[in-house]
Amino acid sequence: MTQLKLTRREQEVLRLIFKEMTTMQIAEELGIKVSTVETHRRNLFRKAGVRSSIGLVKEALRQGF
């Protein structure tokens, strides 16, 4: 797996996923639409090569996030 290259917003979404926030809570926290959070989450999964939030967290931790 190559090093994750994340946008600033993807890093913010990842940080909130680490805090176990729901998609709705993340949207409210960042002042964006739920659909936008879902897009960021899909992009994170794709970049990390995973299919779940647990896989995303595991990969992010493995890479030192």
Protein backbone atom coordinates (compact mmCIF):
# COMPACT_ATOMS: atom_id res chain seq x y z
CA MET A 1 0.00 0.00 0.00
CA THR A 2 1.34 3.41 -0.94
CA GLN A 3 1.28 6.30 1.50
CA LEU A 4 -2.18 7.87 1.71
CA LYS A 5 -2.27 11.29 0.07
CA LEU A 6 -5.30 13.02 1.52
CA THR A 7 -6.77 16.44 0.98
CA ARG A 8 -7.21 18.71 3.98
CA ARG A 9 -10.94 17.96 4.04
CA GLU A 10 -10.34 14.20 3.78
CA GLN A 11 -8.01 14.49 6.77
CA GLU A 12 -10.73 16.34 8.71
CA VAL A 13 -13.31 13.67 7.85
CA LEU A 14 -10.85 10.93 8.83
CA ARG A 15 -10.19 12.65 12.17
CA LEU A 16 -13.93 12.73 12.87
CA ILE A 17 -14.34 9.08 11.83
CA PHE A 18 -11.63 8.31 14.40
CA LYS A 19 -13.87 10.06 16.96
CA GLU A 20 -16.67 7.61 16.02
CA MET A 21 -18.89 10.37 14.66
CA THR A 22 -21.74 9.46 12.32
CA THR A 23 -22.00 10.84 8.80
CA MET A 24 -24.70 13.25 9.99
CA GLN A 25 -22.56 14.44 12.90
CA ILE A 26 -19.55 14.93 10.61
CA ALA A 27 -21.69 16.97 8.20
CA GLU A 28 -22.94 19.17 11.04
CA GLU A 29 -19.44 19.58 12.52
CA LEU A 30 -17.95 20.64 9.17
CA GLY A 31 -20.98 22.58 7.91
CA ILE A 32 -21.34 20.46 4.77
CA LYS A 33 -24.03 18.20 3.31
CA VAL A 34 -24.34 14.53 4.26
CA SER A 35 -23.84 13.62 0.58
CA THR A 36 -20.52 15.51 0.59
CA VAL A 37 -19.36 13.58 3.66
CA GLU A 38 -20.35 10.33 1.91
CA THR A 39 -18.27 11.37 -1.11
CA HIS A 40 -15.24 12.09 1.09
CA ARG A 41 -15.74 8.75 2.86
CA ARG A 42 -15.89 6.88 -0.49
CA ASN A 43 -12.72 8.66 -1.62
CA LEU A 44 -10.99 7.70 1.63
CA PHE A 45 -12.00 4.06 1.19
CA ARG A 46 -10.76 4.08 -2.42
CA LYS A 47 -7.43 5.72 -1.56
CA ALA A 48 -6.85 3.34 1.36
CA GLY A 49 -7.98 0.29 -0.62
CA VAL A 50 -10.57 -0.71 2.01
CA ARG A 51 -14.31 -1.40 2.14
CA SER A 52 -15.30 -0.32 5.65
CA SER A 53 -14.69 2.31 8.30
CA ILE A 54 -12.87 -0.27 10.41
CA GLY A 55 -10.57 -1.05 7.49
CA LEU A 56 -10.01 2.66 6.96
CA VAL A 57 -9.05 3.24 10.59
CA LYS A 58 -6.74 0.21 10.60
CA GLU A 59 -4.97 1.38 7.44
CA ALA A 60 -4.71 4.97 8.67
CA LEU A 61 -3.19 3.77 11.95
CA ARG A 62 -0.78 1.50 10.06
CA GLN A 63 0.38 4.55 8.11
CA GLY A 64 0.79 6.71 11.20
CA PHE A 65 -2.26 8.96 10.97
